[in-house]
């Protein structure tokens, strides 16, 4: 594990979830998305200590566990560290079970999540994940402006974090091409908002972009190309759903058709991610007056108007 410099005092630590690092003049650092696993947080803290640096702040770009779980490991040896997040992320970060149960709309079955090991209920709510500072706009830390840009879509709370070096840490606001090639169907909370956020990113002024799940750091021009690919995927799935609804179909039938057509591999957890995305498309098409529904035989059938 090491810190790779991007520009000026803006760096990153590679991982399944990339971690942003911004160093202040006093030697303390701001981390963005510490990542998955408490152990990763312990390792980051140890590495920083060896370099004479201290993590005083961490920003979670949104409420999904793989972006903030490592915070608990950081806090074990750095009790002064403060967690920063958007107000919409706060209740989910502080109640892990709430975020997990959101996917199934119920208490969680034993086979949900690869780390669950049969544990259900509030036993999952472990770790000290209290949001100390809520932000919905730019924040000043140690006399320096850190830009916060609310960019919902992947989640309601998704934010971009830009340092004075014009390095933009994006979390999951943009999906890397490798992620699209592997999973194809994006996990999204609101399709309309996501499209608007992607177009906002293309219009923003930054020099480098750090995507949460990516193996490379990209220039602004490269990010614009990746955003185009994200937009193409959104449109493709929307067109697929509209075509499926030539015939009245249930939500699960829509999902099944999409997964077969696009050869999507899945397990219990990823099935619910994809099912959530289908729900987001149904909401968008309904709000635009393009589809309607019929309740029949104990099911809800959606169809084109």
Protein backbone atom coordinates (compact mmCIF):
# COMPACT_ATOMS: atom_id res chain seq x y z
CA UNK A 1 0.00 0.00 0.00
CA UNK A 2 1.35 3.42 -0.90
CA UNK A 3 0.23 6.95 -1.75
CA UNK A 4 0.34 7.94 -5.41
CA UNK A 5 0.62 11.65 -6.05
CA UNK A 6 -1.74 13.14 -8.64
CA UNK A 7 -1.01 16.88 -8.44
CA UNK A 8 0.22 19.22 -5.75
CA UNK A 9 -0.98 17.98 -2.38
CA UNK A 10 -3.67 15.74 -3.89
CA UNK A 11 -2.97 11.99 -3.98
CA UNK A 12 -4.73 8.65 -3.75
CA UNK A 13 -4.38 5.14 -2.37
CA UNK A 14 -5.31 2.33 -4.73
CA UNK A 15 -7.89 -0.21 -3.63
CA UNK A 16 -11.13 -1.93 -4.47
CA UNK A 17 -12.43 1.51 -3.58
CA UNK A 18 -9.84 4.20 -4.30
CA UNK A 19 -9.11 6.52 -1.39
CA UNK A 20 -8.42 10.21 -1.95
CA UNK A 21 -5.74 11.96 0.09
CA UNK A 22 -5.32 15.72 0.49
CA UNK A 23 -2.47 16.96 2.70
CA UNK A 24 -2.75 20.21 4.62
CA UNK A 25 0.23 22.42 5.38
CA UNK A 26 0.37 21.21 9.00
CA UNK A 27 0.95 17.60 7.87
CA UNK A 28 -2.57 16.40 8.62
CA UNK A 29 -4.67 14.87 5.85
CA UNK A 30 -8.21 14.70 4.57
CA UNK A 31 -9.19 11.26 3.27
CA UNK A 32 -12.00 10.74 0.76
CA UNK A 33 -13.67 7.31 0.87
CA UNK A 34 -11.39 5.25 3.11
CA UNK A 35 -12.83 2.16 1.44
CA UNK A 36 -13.97 -1.34 2.34
CA UNK A 37 -12.97 -3.28 5.49
CA UNK A 38 -11.91 -2.09 8.90
CA UNK A 39 -8.49 -3.64 8.26
CA UNK A 40 -7.93 -1.29 5.30
CA UNK A 41 -8.49 1.64 7.63
CA UNK A 42 -5.92 0.24 10.10
CA UNK A 43 -3.39 -0.19 7.28
CA UNK A 44 -3.98 3.35 5.97
CA UNK A 45 -3.53 4.78 9.47
CA UNK A 46 -0.29 2.82 9.96
CA UNK A 47 1.12 3.97 6.62
CA UNK A 48 0.29 7.61 7.32
CA UNK A 49 1.87 7.42 10.78
CA UNK A 50 5.13 6.10 9.31
CA UNK A 51 5.16 9.12 7.00
CA UNK A 52 4.52 11.54 9.87
CA UNK A 53 0.98 12.29 8.69
CA UNK A 54 -2.25 12.30 10.67
CA UNK A 55 -5.77 11.68 9.30
CA UNK A 56 -7.92 14.42 10.85
CA UNK A 57 -10.90 14.20 8.47
CA UNK A 58 -12.61 11.72 6.18
CA UNK A 59 -15.34 12.52 3.67
CA UNK A 60 -17.70 9.76 2.53
CA UNK A 61 -18.87 10.56 -1.00
CA UNK A 62 -22.08 8.63 -0.30
CA UNK A 63 -23.66 6.15 2.07
CA UNK A 64 -22.65 2.82 0.50
CA UNK A 65 -20.66 0.68 2.91
CA UNK A 66 -17.71 -0.02 0.58
CA UNK A 67 -16.83 3.69 0.69
CA UNK A 68 -16.76 4.26 4.46
CA UNK A 69 -16.36 0.94 6.31
CA UNK A 70 -12.59 1.52 6.74
CA UNK A 71 -13.32 4.64 8.80
CA UNK A 72 -13.75 2.42 11.86
CA UNK A 73 -10.16 1.19 11.44
CA UNK A 74 -8.86 4.73 11.09
CA UNK A 75 -10.59 5.80 14.27
CA UNK A 76 -9.08 2.98 16.33
CA UNK A 77 -5.73 4.79 16.42
CA UNK A 78 -6.89 8.30 15.47
CA UNK A 79 -9.81 9.12 17.80
CA UNK A 80 -9.65 12.79 16.76
CA UNK A 81 -10.67 12.02 13.16
CA UNK A 82 -13.99 13.54 12.06
CA UNK A 83 -16.36 11.97 9.54
CA UNK A 84 -17.96 14.28 6.97
CA UNK A 85 -20.93 13.40 4.74
CA UNK A 86 -23.96 14.83 2.98
CA UNK A 87 -27.07 15.18 5.21
CA UNK A 88 -28.90 12.53 3.16
CA UNK A 89 -26.10 10.03 3.82
CA UNK A 90 -26.01 10.56 7.60
CA UNK A 91 -28.91 8.28 8.66
CA UNK A 92 -27.66 5.40 6.49
CA UNK A 93 -24.05 5.69 7.64
CA UNK A 94 -25.08 5.83 11.28
CA UNK A 95 -27.44 2.87 10.97
CA UNK A 96 -25.81 0.23 8.80
CA UNK A 97 -28.79 -2.08 9.02
CA UNK A 98 -31.06 0.60 7.55
CA UNK A 99 -28.90 0.80 4.42
CA UNK A 100 -28.73 -2.97 3.99
CA UNK A 101 -32.43 -3.54 4.64
CA UNK A 102 -33.24 -0.89 2.00
CA UNK A 103 -32.30 -3.42 -0.68
CA UNK A 104 -34.79 -6.07 0.42
CA UNK A 105 -37.45 -3.75 1.95
CA UNK A 106 -37.50 -6.03 5.00
CA UNK A 107 -35.35 -7.60 7.65
CA UNK A 108 -32.46 -9.31 5.95
CA UNK A 109 -32.40 -13.02 5.12
CA UNK A 110 -29.32 -15.01 6.08
CA UNK A 111 -28.09 -15.28 2.48
CA UNK A 112 -27.84 -11.52 1.87
CA UNK A 113 -24.28 -10.28 1.43
CA UNK A 114 -21.07 -12.25 1.25
CA UNK A 115 -19.93 -11.02 4.69
CA UNK A 116 -23.21 -11.64 6.47
CA UNK A 117 -22.45 -15.25 7.57
CA UNK A 118 -26.03 -15.79 8.61
CA UNK A 119 -26.13 -12.81 10.97
CA UNK A 120 -29.35 -10.83 10.77
CA UNK A 121 -30.91 -7.90 12.57
CA UNK A 122 -29.15 -5.21 14.55
CA UNK A 123 -26.05 -7.37 15.10
CA UNK A 124 -24.90 -5.90 11.79
CA UNK A 125 -24.81 -2.39 13.26
CA UNK A 126 -21.25 -2.57 14.58
CA UNK A 127 -18.52 0.04 14.43
CA UNK A 128 -18.39 3.70 15.34
CA UNK A 129 -19.91 5.41 12.30
CA UNK A 130 -21.15 8.76 13.55
CA UNK A 131 -21.15 11.66 11.10
CA UNK A 132 -19.51 14.63 12.81
CA UNK A 133 -20.01 17.22 10.06
CA UNK A 134 -22.80 17.34 7.48
CA UNK A 135 -22.12 19.24 4.25
CA UNK A 136 -24.25 20.14 1.24
CA UNK A 137 -21.91 22.81 -0.13
CA UNK A 138 -18.25 23.85 -0.10
CA UNK A 139 -16.45 23.51 3.21
CA UNK A 140 -13.40 25.28 4.64
CA UNK A 141 -10.93 23.03 6.46
CA UNK A 142 -7.79 24.48 8.03
CA UNK A 143 -8.17 27.63 5.98
CA UNK A 144 -8.50 25.80 2.64
CA UNK A 145 -11.60 25.47 0.48
CA UNK A 146 -12.72 21.95 -0.34
CA UNK A 147 -15.42 22.02 -3.04
CA UNK A 148 -18.45 19.82 -2.45
CA UNK A 149 -20.76 19.25 -5.43
CA UNK A 150 -23.99 17.34 -4.82
CA UNK A 151 -24.37 14.92 -7.74
CA UNK A 152 -27.21 12.52 -6.91
CA UNK A 153 -28.27 9.58 -9.03
CA UNK A 154 -26.20 6.58 -8.00
CA UNK A 155 -27.45 7.46 -4.53
CA UNK A 156 -29.45 10.39 -3.21
CA UNK A 157 -26.45 11.67 -1.24
CA UNK A 158 -23.64 11.25 -3.81
CA UNK A 159 -21.17 14.15 -3.77
CA UNK A 160 -18.04 15.09 -5.68
CA UNK A 161 -15.07 16.38 -3.69
CA UNK A 162 -12.63 18.74 -5.42
CA UNK A 163 -9.38 19.96 -3.89
CA UNK A 164 -7.61 23.29 -4.56
CA UNK A 165 -5.37 21.33 -6.99
CA UNK A 166 -8.45 20.82 -9.24
CA UNK A 167 -8.42 17.09 -8.56
CA UNK A 168 -11.98 15.76 -8.38
CA UNK A 169 -12.78 12.66 -6.31
CA UNK A 170 -15.97 11.21 -7.76
CA UNK A 171 -16.97 8.19 -5.71
CA UNK A 172 -19.56 6.31 -7.80
CA UNK A 173 -20.96 9.35 -9.61
CA UNK A 174 -19.22 7.95 -12.70
CA UNK A 175 -18.74 4.24 -13.38
CA UNK A 176 -15.42 3.26 -14.94
CA UNK A 177 -15.51 1.53 -18.32
CA UNK A 178 -14.12 -1.65 -16.72
CA UNK A 179 -17.04 -1.75 -14.27
CA UNK A 180 -19.55 -1.27 -17.08
CA UNK A 181 -17.87 -4.02 -19.10
CA UNK A 182 -18.03 -6.39 -16.12
CA UNK A 183 -21.47 -5.66 -14.62
CA UNK A 184 -23.19 -3.73 -17.44
CA UNK A 185 -26.33 -2.71 -15.54
CA UNK A 186 -25.52 0.23 -13.23
CA UNK A 187 -26.82 0.36 -9.65
CA UNK A 188 -28.85 3.59 -9.56
CA UNK A 189 -31.27 5.33 -7.23
CA UNK A 190 -32.63 7.97 -9.64
CA UNK A 191 -32.12 7.80 -13.41
CA UNK A 192 -33.08 11.40 -14.19
CA UNK A 193 -30.83 12.81 -11.47
CA UNK A 194 -27.98 10.56 -12.57
CA UNK A 195 -28.16 11.82 -16.15
CA UNK A 196 -28.19 15.41 -14.93
CA UNK A 197 -25.19 14.76 -12.68
CA UNK A 198 -23.22 13.13 -15.50
CA UNK A 199 -23.82 16.15 -17.74
CA UNK A 200 -22.83 18.43 -14.85
CA UNK A 201 -19.52 16.55 -14.56
CA UNK A 202 -18.83 17.05 -18.27
CA UNK A 203 -19.32 20.80 -17.82
CA UNK A 204 -17.17 21.09 -14.69
CA UNK A 205 -13.70 22.59 -14.58
CA UNK A 206 -11.18 20.14 -13.12
CA UNK A 207 -7.88 18.67 -14.25
CA UNK A 208 -7.93 15.08 -12.97
CA UNK A 209 -10.73 12.74 -11.92
CA UNK A 210 -10.53 9.87 -9.44
CA UNK A 211 -13.33 7.33 -9.92
CA UNK A 212 -14.15 5.22 -6.87
CA UNK A 213 -13.72 1.88 -8.62
CA UNK A 214 -11.07 2.26 -11.31
CA UNK A 215 -7.46 1.22 -11.88
CA UNK A 216 -6.29 4.52 -13.37
CA UNK A 217 -6.44 8.25 -12.75
CA UNK A 218 -8.05 10.13 -15.63
CA UNK A 219 -7.71 13.56 -17.18
CA UNK A 220 -10.80 15.72 -17.63
CA UNK A 221 -10.92 14.80 -21.34
CA UNK A 222 -10.80 11.08 -20.49
CA UNK A 223 -13.56 11.48 -17.90
CA UNK A 224 -15.75 13.12 -20.56
CA UNK A 225 -15.36 10.02 -22.74
CA UNK A 226 -16.22 7.70 -19.84
CA UNK A 227 -19.28 9.82 -19.04
CA UNK A 228 -20.42 9.40 -22.66
CA UNK A 229 -20.23 5.62 -22.19
CA UNK A 230 -22.24 5.90 -18.97
CA UNK A 231 -24.93 7.90 -20.79
CA UNK A 232 -25.04 5.36 -23.63
CA UNK A 233 -25.67 2.53 -21.15
CA UNK A 234 -28.49 4.48 -19.47
CA UNK A 235 -30.21 5.09 -22.79
CA UNK A 236 -29.77 1.47 -23.90
CA UNK A 237 -31.48 0.11 -20.80
CA UNK A 238 -34.28 2.64 -21.06
CA UNK A 239 -34.94 1.65 -24.68
CA UNK A 240 -34.80 -2.03 -23.73
CA UNK A 241 -37.44 -1.52 -21.02
CA UNK A 242 -39.70 0.46 -23.35
CA UNK A 243 -39.46 -2.37 -25.91
CA UNK A 244 -40.17 -5.01 -23.24
CA UNK A 245 -43.32 -3.08 -22.27
CA UNK A 246 -44.85 -3.65 -25.69
CA UNK A 247 -46.25 -6.54 -23.67
CA UNK A 248 -47.57 -5.87 -20.14
CA UNK A 249 -44.88 -7.10 -17.75
CA UNK A 250 -44.23 -7.28 -14.03
CA UNK A 251 -41.14 -5.69 -12.53
CA UNK A 252 -39.52 -9.11 -12.16
CA UNK A 253 -40.35 -9.95 -15.78
CA UNK A 254 -38.70 -6.70 -16.89
CA UNK A 255 -35.61 -7.56 -14.84
CA UNK A 256 -35.51 -11.12 -16.12
CA UNK A 257 -35.70 -9.98 -19.76
CA UNK A 258 -32.92 -7.43 -19.21
CA UNK A 259 -30.63 -9.91 -17.51
CA UNK A 260 -31.11 -12.59 -20.18
CA UNK A 261 -30.68 -10.13 -23.05
CA UNK A 262 -27.48 -8.68 -21.57
CA UNK A 263 -26.15 -12.00 -20.21
CA UNK A 264 -25.84 -10.59 -16.69
CA UNK A 265 -24.48 -12.96 -14.05
CA UNK A 266 -25.91 -12.44 -10.59
CA UNK A 267 -26.27 -13.69 -7.04
CA UNK A 268 -28.82 -12.83 -4.38
CA UNK A 269 -27.20 -9.49 -3.57
CA UNK A 270 -26.52 -8.27 -7.11
CA UNK A 271 -30.02 -9.37 -8.15
CA UNK A 272 -31.41 -6.84 -5.69
CA UNK A 273 -29.06 -4.13 -6.95
CA UNK A 274 -30.38 -4.72 -10.46
CA UNK A 275 -33.97 -4.92 -9.24
CA UNK A 276 -33.50 -1.54 -7.55
CA UNK A 277 -32.26 -0.06 -10.83
CA UNK A 278 -35.33 -1.40 -12.65
CA UNK A 279 -37.47 0.33 -10.01
CA UNK A 280 -35.61 3.57 -10.76
CA UNK A 281 -36.39 3.23 -14.46
CA UNK A 282 -40.05 2.51 -13.70
CA UNK A 283 -40.15 5.71 -11.61
CA UNK A 284 -38.59 7.77 -14.41
CA UNK A 285 -40.88 6.43 -17.14
CA UNK A 286 -43.93 6.83 -14.91
CA UNK A 287 -43.04 10.43 -14.00
CA UNK A 288 -42.62 11.22 -17.70
CA UNK A 289 -46.07 9.79 -18.45
CA UNK A 290 -44.68 7.06 -20.71
CA UNK A 291 -45.99 4.02 -18.84
CA UNK A 292 -49.00 3.00 -16.80
CA UNK A 293 -49.92 -0.03 -14.72
CA UNK A 294 -52.67 -2.56 -14.18
CA UNK A 295 -53.30 -4.62 -11.03
CA UNK A 296 -54.38 -8.12 -12.03
CA UNK A 297 -54.16 -11.66 -10.66
CA UNK A 298 -52.17 -10.59 -7.63
CA UNK A 299 -49.54 -8.82 -9.73
CA UNK A 300 -48.73 -5.36 -11.06
CA UNK A 301 -48.28 -5.21 -14.82
CA UNK A 302 -46.56 -2.20 -16.42
CA UNK A 303 -47.25 -1.23 -20.01
CA UNK A 304 -46.60 1.61 -22.42
CA UNK A 305 -49.25 4.30 -22.66
